[in-house]
Amino acid sequence: MRASEGRSFGSKIFSLLTMIIIKKLHSDPLEQFPNKITLSVERRVLAKRRWRGYAEDGTEFGFDLEIPLRNGACFHRDEERNYVIGQKPESVFLVSYSNQKEAAHLAWQVGNLHFPAQFKDSYLMVEGDHAVRLMLERNQIPFEESRQVFQPIVAATSHHHGNGKLLKYFNMW
C-alpha cells in the first residue's frame, strides 16, 4: 500500500468518527432559528432516507431517516447554530394554464410520461427533461424555461405497466 493511500484511508476513518448522524428531526418552527447554516442538496438526494452531506461551514452529516427531508427543514441544532436543508434549484419548465380543465389536461400529459409536477396558482412546474420538452413542443403547448427549487407532488400510491400477473402465472410452473 502506498503512503498516500494510507492517509486517504485514515482521513476516511476520521471523517466517520467526526460525522454527525441524524436519525430524527426537530419539530420546532423554522422561525425560531436565527443562525442558519445551510446544507445544499439536490432534490433527488433529499428523496433518499440514507445519505451524507456537508454544510456550508464544512460540518459533515450522515442521514438515516424514517422519512425523507424537505427544503427548509431544520435537521440539527446546537447552542449557536441551526442547520437547515437548502434544496438546490434545478432546470424546470413553467407551463401556464387558464382554468382547472386545462390544468388537469396538462397534468395528465406530464403524468402520462411518469414525470413529477408541482402546481402553482397559474402554472404547472415540471422537470426540465428532454422528453417533457418534446411532448410540449409536439403538442404546441407554450412553456418557459427556468431554474427553481422544484418540490413536486409526492404520490401516495403507485402503479405498474409490467406483466406482474403474467409472470406470476408462469412462475407457478
C-alpha atoms as a PDB file:
ATOM      1  CA  MET A   1       0.000   0.000   0.000  1.00  0.00           C
ATOM      2  CA  ARG A   2       1.282   3.453  -0.858  1.00  0.00           C
ATOM      3  CA  ALA A   3       1.672   6.091   1.829  1.00  0.00           C
ATOM      4  CA  SER A   4      -0.818   8.380   0.080  1.00  0.00           C
ATOM      5  CA  GLU A   5      -3.398   5.604   0.016  1.00  0.00           C
ATOM      6  CA  GLY A   6      -2.934   5.028   3.745  1.00  0.00           C
ATOM      7  CA  ARG A   7      -3.544   8.700   4.502  1.00  0.00           C
ATOM      8  CA  SER A   8      -6.631   8.679   2.346  1.00  0.00           C
ATOM      9  CA  PHE A   9      -7.997   5.678   4.227  1.00  0.00           C
ATOM     10  CA  GLY A  10      -7.128   7.289   7.573  1.00  0.00           C
ATOM     11  CA  SER A  11      -8.893  10.505   6.657  1.00  0.00           C
ATOM     12  CA  LYS A  12     -11.977   8.478   5.731  1.00  0.00           C
ATOM     13  CA  ILE A  13     -11.931   6.771   9.149  1.00  0.00           C
ATOM     14  CA  PHE A  14     -11.507  10.148  10.889  1.00  0.00           C
ATOM     15  CA  SER A  15     -14.393  11.540   8.823  1.00  0.00           C
ATOM     16  CA  LEU A  16     -16.656   8.742  10.048  1.00  0.00           C
ATOM     17  CA  LEU A  17     -15.665   9.446  13.646  1.00  0.00           C
ATOM     18  CA  THR A  18     -16.476  13.166  13.379  1.00  0.00           C
ATOM     19  CA  MET A  19     -19.615  12.913  11.228  1.00  0.00           C
ATOM     20  CA  ILE A  20     -22.877  13.844  12.951  1.00  0.00           C
ATOM     21  CA  ILE A  21     -25.551  11.198  12.355  1.00  0.00           C
ATOM     22  CA  ILE A  22     -29.145  12.466  12.066  1.00  0.00           C
ATOM     23  CA  LYS A  23     -31.947   9.978  12.756  1.00  0.00           C
ATOM     24  CA  LYS A  24     -34.798  12.238  13.945  1.00  0.00           C
ATOM     25  CA  LEU A  25     -35.847  15.763  13.065  1.00  0.00           C
ATOM     26  CA  HIS A  26     -36.779  18.712  15.272  1.00  0.00           C
ATOM     27  CA  SER A  27     -40.427  19.710  15.028  1.00  0.00           C
ATOM     28  CA  ASP A  28     -39.957  23.347  16.082  1.00  0.00           C
ATOM     29  CA  PRO A  29     -40.951  26.055  13.584  1.00  0.00           C
ATOM     30  CA  LEU A  30     -38.061  27.331  11.456  1.00  0.00           C
ATOM     31  CA  GLU A  31     -38.620  30.947  12.536  1.00  0.00           C
ATOM     32  CA  GLN A  32     -37.114  30.130  15.930  1.00  0.00           C
ATOM     33  CA  PHE A  33     -33.697  29.510  14.358  1.00  0.00           C
ATOM     34  CA  PRO A  34     -31.927  32.779  13.534  1.00  0.00           C
ATOM     35  CA  ASN A  35     -28.362  31.479  12.943  1.00  0.00           C
ATOM     36  CA  LYS A  36     -28.981  29.234   9.947  1.00  0.00           C
ATOM     37  CA  ILE A  37     -26.244  27.238   8.262  1.00  0.00           C
ATOM     38  CA  THR A  38     -27.329  25.654   5.012  1.00  0.00           C
ATOM     39  CA  LEU A  39     -26.640  22.191   3.720  1.00  0.00           C
ATOM     40  CA  SER A  40     -27.287  22.497  -0.037  1.00  0.00           C
ATOM     41  CA  VAL A  41     -28.543  19.337  -1.699  1.00  0.00           C
ATOM     42  CA  GLU A  42     -30.289  18.204  -4.881  1.00  0.00           C
ATOM     43  CA  ARG A  43     -33.932  17.092  -4.868  1.00  0.00           C
ATOM     44  CA  ARG A  44     -33.084  13.503  -5.801  1.00  0.00           C
ATOM     45  CA  VAL A  45     -30.775  13.201  -2.790  1.00  0.00           C
ATOM     46  CA  LEU A  46     -33.478  14.624  -0.497  1.00  0.00           C
ATOM     47  CA  ALA A  47     -35.796  11.831  -1.647  1.00  0.00           C
ATOM     48  CA  LYS A  48     -33.442   9.286  -0.085  1.00  0.00           C
ATOM     49  CA  ARG A  49     -33.546   8.270   3.549  1.00  0.00           C
ATOM     50  CA  ARG A  50     -29.816   7.491   3.814  1.00  0.00           C
ATOM     51  CA  TRP A  51     -27.201   9.899   2.518  1.00  0.00           C
ATOM     52  CA  ARG A  52     -24.256  12.116   3.501  1.00  0.00           C
ATOM     53  CA  GLY A  53     -23.618  15.808   3.015  1.00  0.00           C
ATOM     54  CA  TYR A  54     -21.531  18.791   4.092  1.00  0.00           C
ATOM     55  CA  ALA A  55     -22.982  22.023   5.448  1.00  0.00           C
ATOM     56  CA  GLU A  56     -21.569  25.344   4.247  1.00  0.00           C
ATOM     57  CA  ASP A  57     -19.361  25.517   7.371  1.00  0.00           C
ATOM     58  CA  GLY A  58     -17.770  22.143   6.497  1.00  0.00           C
ATOM     59  CA  THR A  59     -19.612  20.057   9.110  1.00  0.00           C
ATOM     60  CA  GLU A  60     -20.328  16.579   7.778  1.00  0.00           C
ATOM     61  CA  PHE A  61     -23.686  14.937   8.382  1.00  0.00           C
ATOM     62  CA  GLY A  62     -24.926  11.420   7.790  1.00  0.00           C
ATOM     63  CA  PHE A  63     -28.680  10.885   7.452  1.00  0.00           C
ATOM     64  CA  ASP A  64     -30.532   7.702   8.409  1.00  0.00           C
ATOM     65  CA  LEU A  65     -34.144   8.880   8.499  1.00  0.00           C
ATOM     66  CA  GLU A  66     -37.580   7.276   8.589  1.00  0.00           C
ATOM     67  CA  ILE A  67     -38.929   9.811   6.067  1.00  0.00           C
ATOM     68  CA  PRO A  68     -37.120  11.991   3.510  1.00  0.00           C
ATOM     69  CA  LEU A  69     -36.275  15.627   4.265  1.00  0.00           C
ATOM     70  CA  ARG A  70     -37.839  18.689   2.592  1.00  0.00           C
ATOM     71  CA  ASN A  71     -36.437  22.064   1.641  1.00  0.00           C
ATOM     72  CA  GLY A  72     -36.182  24.396   4.653  1.00  0.00           C
ATOM     73  CA  ALA A  73     -36.181  21.638   7.290  1.00  0.00           C
ATOM     74  CA  CYS A  74     -34.017  22.275  10.356  1.00  0.00           C
ATOM     75  CA  PHE A  75     -32.262  18.945  10.939  1.00  0.00           C
ATOM     76  CA  HIS A  76     -29.696  19.781  13.646  1.00  0.00           C
ATOM     77  CA  ARG A  77     -29.219  22.418  16.350  1.00  0.00           C
ATOM     78  CA  ASP A  78     -26.535  23.270  18.824  1.00  0.00           C
ATOM     79  CA  GLU A  79     -26.051  26.272  21.136  1.00  0.00           C
ATOM     80  CA  GLU A  80     -25.091  28.689  18.364  1.00  0.00           C
ATOM     81  CA  ARG A  81     -26.093  27.158  15.035  1.00  0.00           C
ATOM     82  CA  ASN A  82     -29.143  25.788  13.309  1.00  0.00           C
ATOM     83  CA  TYR A  83     -28.529  23.529  10.309  1.00  0.00           C
ATOM     84  CA  VAL A  84     -31.159  23.806   7.596  1.00  0.00           C
ATOM     85  CA  ILE A  85     -31.700  21.963   4.300  1.00  0.00           C
ATOM     86  CA  GLY A  86     -31.390  24.210   1.238  1.00  0.00           C
ATOM     87  CA  GLN A  87     -32.613  22.426  -1.871  1.00  0.00           C
ATOM     88  CA  LYS A  88     -30.655  23.398  -4.996  1.00  0.00           C
ATOM     89  CA  PRO A  89     -32.577  24.977  -7.882  1.00  0.00           C
ATOM     90  CA  GLU A  90     -32.900  22.825 -10.984  1.00  0.00           C
ATOM     91  CA  SER A  91     -33.989  23.149 -14.591  1.00  0.00           C
ATOM     92  CA  VAL A  92     -37.801  23.257 -14.874  1.00  0.00           C
ATOM     93  CA  PHE A  93     -40.480  24.154 -17.405  1.00  0.00           C
ATOM     94  CA  LEU A  94     -43.263  26.530 -16.407  1.00  0.00           C
ATOM     95  CA  VAL A  95     -46.483  25.729 -18.274  1.00  0.00           C
ATOM     96  CA  SER A  96     -49.250  28.327 -17.852  1.00  0.00           C
ATOM     97  CA  TYR A  97     -52.907  27.368 -17.721  1.00  0.00           C
ATOM     98  CA  SER A  98     -56.066  29.468 -17.701  1.00  0.00           C
ATOM     99  CA  ASN A  99     -58.546  27.167 -15.930  1.00  0.00           C
ATOM    100  CA  GLN A 100     -58.801  23.907 -13.965  1.00  0.00           C
ATOM    101  CA  LYS A 101     -59.733  21.830 -17.004  1.00  0.00           C
ATOM    102  CA  GLU A 102     -56.614  22.943 -18.852  1.00  0.00           C
ATOM    103  CA  ALA A 103     -54.509  22.340 -15.722  1.00  0.00           C
ATOM    104  CA  ALA A 104     -55.879  18.804 -15.393  1.00  0.00           C
ATOM    105  CA  HIS A 105     -55.178  18.049 -19.048  1.00  0.00           C
ATOM    106  CA  LEU A 106     -51.585  19.334 -18.793  1.00  0.00           C
ATOM    107  CA  ALA A 107     -51.009  17.371 -15.588  1.00  0.00           C
ATOM    108  CA  TRP A 108     -52.366  14.235 -17.267  1.00  0.00           C
ATOM    109  CA  GLN A 109     -49.969  14.651 -20.212  1.00  0.00           C
ATOM    110  CA  VAL A 110     -46.969  15.126 -17.932  1.00  0.00           C
ATOM    111  CA  GLY A 111     -48.098  12.288 -15.652  1.00  0.00           C
ATOM    112  CA  ASN A 112     -48.545  10.004 -18.653  1.00  0.00           C
ATOM    113  CA  LEU A 113     -44.784  10.368 -19.194  1.00  0.00           C
ATOM    114  CA  HIS A 114     -44.277   9.486 -15.493  1.00  0.00           C
ATOM    115  CA  PHE A 115     -42.649  12.832 -14.700  1.00  0.00           C
ATOM    116  CA  PRO A 116     -43.301  14.717 -11.448  1.00  0.00           C
ATOM    117  CA  ALA A 117     -45.199  18.016 -11.386  1.00  0.00           C
ATOM    118  CA  GLN A 118     -45.839  20.879  -8.991  1.00  0.00           C
ATOM    119  CA  PHE A 119     -48.934  23.080  -9.191  1.00  0.00           C
ATOM    120  CA  LYS A 120     -48.679  26.829  -8.702  1.00  0.00           C
ATOM    121  CA  ASP A 121     -51.534  29.362  -8.851  1.00  0.00           C
ATOM    122  CA  SER A 122     -51.374  29.950 -12.603  1.00  0.00           C
ATOM    123  CA  TYR A 123     -48.886  27.441 -13.966  1.00  0.00           C
ATOM    124  CA  LEU A 124     -47.658  23.883 -13.751  1.00  0.00           C
ATOM    125  CA  MET A 125     -43.975  23.371 -12.963  1.00  0.00           C
ATOM    126  CA  VAL A 126     -42.438  20.233 -14.459  1.00  0.00           C
ATOM    127  CA  GLU A 127     -38.982  18.732 -14.529  1.00  0.00           C
ATOM    128  CA  GLY A 128     -36.850  20.221 -17.313  1.00  0.00           C
ATOM    129  CA  ASP A 129     -36.332  16.912 -19.093  1.00  0.00           C
ATOM    130  CA  HIS A 130     -35.839  16.423 -22.833  1.00  0.00           C
ATOM    131  CA  ALA A 131     -38.837  14.057 -23.098  1.00  0.00           C
ATOM    132  CA  VAL A 132     -41.112  16.655 -21.481  1.00  0.00           C
ATOM    133  CA  ARG A 133     -39.778  19.333 -23.828  1.00  0.00           C
ATOM    134  CA  LEU A 134     -40.527  17.152 -26.862  1.00  0.00           C
ATOM    135  CA  MET A 135     -44.076  16.447 -25.629  1.00  0.00           C
ATOM    136  CA  LEU A 136     -44.749  20.148 -25.014  1.00  0.00           C
ATOM    137  CA  GLU A 137     -43.359  21.165 -28.404  1.00  0.00           C
ATOM    138  CA  ARG A 138     -45.172  18.339 -30.241  1.00  0.00           C
ATOM    139  CA  ASN A 139     -48.495  19.404 -28.720  1.00  0.00           C
ATOM    140  CA  GLN A 140     -47.693  23.118 -29.292  1.00  0.00           C
ATOM    141  CA  ILE A 141     -48.011  23.883 -25.580  1.00  0.00           C
ATOM    142  CA  PRO A 142     -46.195  27.127 -24.695  1.00  0.00           C
ATOM    143  CA  PHE A 143     -43.726  26.910 -21.820  1.00  0.00           C
ATOM    144  CA  GLU A 144     -40.969  28.924 -20.204  1.00  0.00           C
ATOM    145  CA  GLU A 145     -37.617  27.562 -19.061  1.00  0.00           C
ATOM    146  CA  SER A 146     -36.441  28.429 -15.563  1.00  0.00           C
ATOM    147  CA  ARG A 147     -34.195  27.328 -12.682  1.00  0.00           C
ATOM    148  CA  GLN A 148     -36.132  26.991  -9.443  1.00  0.00           C
ATOM    149  CA  VAL A 149     -36.458  24.840  -6.348  1.00  0.00           C
ATOM    150  CA  PHE A 150     -38.765  22.062  -7.532  1.00  0.00           C
ATOM    151  CA  GLN A 151     -40.970  20.314  -4.944  1.00  0.00           C
ATOM    152  CA  PRO A 152     -43.297  18.031  -6.887  1.00  0.00           C
ATOM    153  CA  ILE A 153     -46.361  16.297  -5.552  1.00  0.00           C
ATOM    154  CA  VAL A 154     -45.441  13.030  -3.850  1.00  0.00           C
ATOM    155  CA  ALA A 155     -47.779  10.230  -4.871  1.00  0.00           C
ATOM    156  CA  ALA A 156     -49.304   8.139  -2.115  1.00  0.00           C
ATOM    157  CA  THR A 157     -49.636   5.098  -4.346  1.00  0.00           C
ATOM    158  CA  SER A 158     -48.009   3.771  -7.468  1.00  0.00           C
ATOM    159  CA  HIS A 159     -48.891   1.602 -10.390  1.00  0.00           C
ATOM    160  CA  HIS A 160     -47.040  -0.531 -12.896  1.00  0.00           C
ATOM    161  CA  HIS A 161     -47.382  -1.258 -16.579  1.00  0.00           C
ATOM    162  CA  GLY A 162     -45.492  -4.547 -16.252  1.00  0.00           C
ATOM    163  CA  ASN A 163     -46.570  -8.141 -16.647  1.00  0.00           C
ATOM    164  CA  GLY A 164     -46.880  -8.899 -12.953  1.00  0.00           C
ATOM    165  CA  LYS A 165     -49.872 -11.250 -13.244  1.00  0.00           C
ATOM    166  CA  LEU A 166     -48.459 -12.981 -16.296  1.00  0.00           C
ATOM    167  CA  LEU A 167     -45.086 -13.549 -14.624  1.00  0.00           C
ATOM    168  CA  LYS A 168     -46.828 -14.838 -11.511  1.00  0.00           C
ATOM    169  CA  TYR A 169     -48.705 -17.295 -13.707  1.00  0.00           C
ATOM    170  CA  PHE A 170     -45.508 -18.524 -15.394  1.00  0.00           C
ATOM    171  CA  ASN A 171     -43.682 -18.818 -12.069  1.00  0.00           C
ATOM    172  CA  MET A 172     -46.323 -21.286 -10.882  1.00  0.00           C
ATOM    173  CA  TRP A 173     -44.937 -23.964 -13.252  1.00  0.00           C
END
